[in-house]
Amino acid sequence: MRMWLWILLIVVVALAAYVRLEPVDADAQHQPVTATEDKTRDGRAIRIIPASEGLLEKLDGLMMADAGTKRLAGSVEEGRITYITRTKWWGFPDFTTIEQDGDLIKMHARLRFGRRDFGVNAARLERLKRAVQR
């Protein structure tokens, strides 16, 4: 029995290391948001809001203020920014791309591992929308 506990512990530690240390392909994640309407599916969410002067910069500031979030690629000047947000305990990565497309801001949040995110990505985008629509 004791040997199985050690094996289980080793497997858990190996999975945790893999989730935290697996290289991220920034180019693969930093792609245009092609959606034209809000959507929520398992592990991903898209929100589209009207753009206004300085809105992309404000959204960038809000994302960077979020604990565990780092800018992965892009910039306000480029008009598209992709972020990686890691969960506190396991370090599961989620990706969020925010871009200005003409008079629209398109936001796409998605998970990296698994199929379900328990609404985390949709909630992140809803928080951003509420913060800028005040």
Protein backbone atom coordinates (compact mmCIF):
# COMPACT_ATOMS: atom_id res chain seq x y z
CA MET A 1 0.00 0.00 0.00
CA ARG A 2 2.77 2.40 0.91
CA MET A 3 4.45 1.92 -2.48
CA TRP A 4 1.22 2.94 -4.27
CA LEU A 5 1.09 6.16 -2.29
CA TRP A 6 4.64 7.00 -3.38
CA ILE A 7 3.77 6.21 -6.99
CA LEU A 8 0.66 8.40 -6.76
CA LEU A 9 2.70 11.24 -5.23
CA ILE A 10 5.30 10.98 -8.01
CA VAL A 11 2.58 11.05 -10.68
CA VAL A 12 0.92 14.12 -9.12
CA VAL A 13 4.23 15.97 -8.85
CA ALA A 14 5.12 15.06 -12.45
CA LEU A 15 1.74 16.32 -13.73
CA ALA A 16 2.07 19.55 -11.76
CA ALA A 17 5.57 20.09 -13.18
CA TYR A 18 4.36 19.41 -16.72
CA VAL A 19 1.49 21.90 -16.41
CA ARG A 20 3.80 24.63 -15.08
CA LEU A 21 6.86 23.97 -17.22
CA GLU A 22 5.50 23.00 -20.63
CA PRO A 23 6.72 25.54 -23.19
CA VAL A 24 4.11 27.93 -24.59
CA ASP A 25 4.01 28.64 -28.32
CA ALA A 26 3.23 32.36 -28.24
CA ASP A 27 2.76 32.55 -32.02
CA ALA A 28 0.13 29.81 -31.95
CA GLN A 29 -1.83 31.63 -29.23
CA HIS A 30 -1.44 35.18 -30.59
CA GLN A 31 -3.89 34.86 -33.47
CA PRO A 32 -6.66 37.19 -34.69
CA VAL A 33 -10.06 36.81 -33.05
CA THR A 34 -12.30 35.93 -35.99
CA ALA A 35 -15.59 35.61 -34.14
CA THR A 36 -18.40 38.07 -34.84
CA GLU A 37 -20.60 37.44 -31.79
CA ASP A 38 -20.42 36.54 -28.11
CA LYS A 39 -20.01 32.82 -27.44
CA THR A 40 -19.42 30.63 -24.43
CA ARG A 41 -18.40 27.02 -24.84
CA ASP A 42 -16.62 24.52 -22.64
CA GLY A 43 -13.24 26.00 -21.89
CA ARG A 44 -13.58 29.15 -23.99
CA ALA A 45 -15.48 32.39 -24.23
CA ILE A 46 -15.69 35.28 -26.68
CA ARG A 47 -17.02 38.74 -25.94
CA ILE A 48 -17.30 41.64 -28.35
CA ILE A 49 -17.85 45.22 -27.23
CA PRO A 50 -17.81 48.62 -28.95
CA ALA A 51 -14.38 50.21 -29.07
CA SER A 52 -13.67 53.70 -27.82
CA GLU A 53 -10.61 55.90 -27.50
CA GLY A 54 -8.12 54.33 -25.07
CA LEU A 55 -10.24 51.25 -24.37
CA LEU A 56 -7.63 48.71 -25.48
CA GLU A 57 -5.07 50.40 -23.22
CA LYS A 58 -7.52 50.31 -20.29
CA LEU A 59 -8.21 46.60 -20.88
CA ASP A 60 -4.47 45.96 -20.99
CA GLY A 61 -4.09 47.64 -17.61
CA LEU A 62 -6.92 45.59 -16.14
CA MET A 63 -5.42 42.33 -17.42
CA MET A 64 -1.96 43.18 -16.12
CA ALA A 65 -3.43 43.99 -12.69
CA ASP A 66 -4.91 40.47 -12.51
CA ALA A 67 -2.83 38.19 -10.27
CA GLY A 68 -1.02 35.48 -12.18
CA THR A 69 -1.34 37.24 -15.56
CA LYS A 70 1.55 38.07 -17.87
CA ARG A 71 1.64 39.55 -21.35
CA LEU A 72 2.59 36.76 -23.76
CA ALA A 73 2.64 38.64 -27.08
CA GLY A 74 1.51 41.82 -28.75
CA SER A 75 0.96 45.37 -27.55
CA VAL A 76 -1.57 48.16 -27.46
CA GLU A 77 0.25 49.74 -30.40
CA GLU A 78 -0.05 46.52 -32.40
CA GLY A 79 -3.78 46.40 -31.64
CA ARG A 80 -3.72 42.81 -30.35
CA ILE A 81 -2.43 41.50 -27.03
CA THR A 82 -2.35 37.92 -25.78
CA TYR A 83 -1.98 37.11 -22.08
CA ILE A 84 -1.35 33.98 -20.09
CA THR A 85 -3.07 33.66 -16.71
CA ARG A 86 -2.08 30.81 -14.42
CA THR A 87 -4.18 29.42 -11.58
CA LYS A 88 -2.73 29.97 -8.14
CA TRP A 89 -2.20 26.41 -6.93
CA TRP A 90 -1.67 24.21 -9.98
CA GLY A 91 -0.54 26.81 -12.46
CA PHE A 92 -2.97 25.76 -15.19
CA PRO A 93 -2.57 28.26 -18.05
CA ASP A 94 -5.45 30.11 -19.68
CA PHE A 95 -4.91 32.40 -22.66
CA THR A 96 -6.76 35.64 -23.35
CA THR A 97 -6.43 37.59 -26.59
CA ILE A 98 -7.84 41.11 -26.78
CA GLU A 99 -7.76 43.04 -30.02
CA GLN A 100 -9.22 46.12 -31.59
CA ASP A 101 -10.85 45.37 -34.94
CA GLY A 102 -12.10 48.66 -36.31
CA ASP A 103 -14.85 49.90 -34.03
CA LEU A 104 -14.98 46.65 -32.03
CA ILE A 105 -12.95 45.16 -29.21
CA LYS A 106 -12.84 41.37 -29.50
CA MET A 107 -11.85 39.27 -26.50
CA HIS A 108 -11.18 35.53 -26.63
CA ALA A 109 -10.32 33.57 -23.48
CA ARG A 110 -9.53 29.85 -23.56
CA LEU A 111 -7.97 27.09 -21.55
CA ARG A 112 -4.81 25.18 -22.46
CA PHE A 113 -5.45 21.82 -20.79
CA GLY A 114 -8.67 19.87 -20.45
CA ARG A 115 -12.15 20.50 -21.75
CA ARG A 116 -13.88 22.44 -18.99
CA ASP A 117 -12.85 25.54 -17.11
CA PHE A 118 -15.91 25.79 -14.83
CA GLY A 119 -16.75 29.20 -16.32
CA VAL A 120 -13.46 30.85 -15.37
CA ASN A 121 -12.71 32.28 -18.83
CA ALA A 122 -16.23 33.62 -19.39
CA ALA A 123 -16.15 35.18 -15.91
CA ARG A 124 -12.82 36.88 -16.69
CA LEU A 125 -14.26 38.47 -19.83
CA GLU A 126 -17.44 39.51 -18.04
CA ARG A 127 -15.36 41.21 -15.31
CA LEU A 128 -13.45 43.11 -18.00
CA LYS A 129 -16.69 44.17 -19.71
CA ARG A 130 -18.22 45.39 -16.44
CA ALA A 131 -15.07 47.30 -15.52
CA VAL A 132 -14.97 49.27 -18.77
CA GLN A 133 -18.71 49.82 -19.16
CA ARG A 134 -19.09 51.78 -15.91
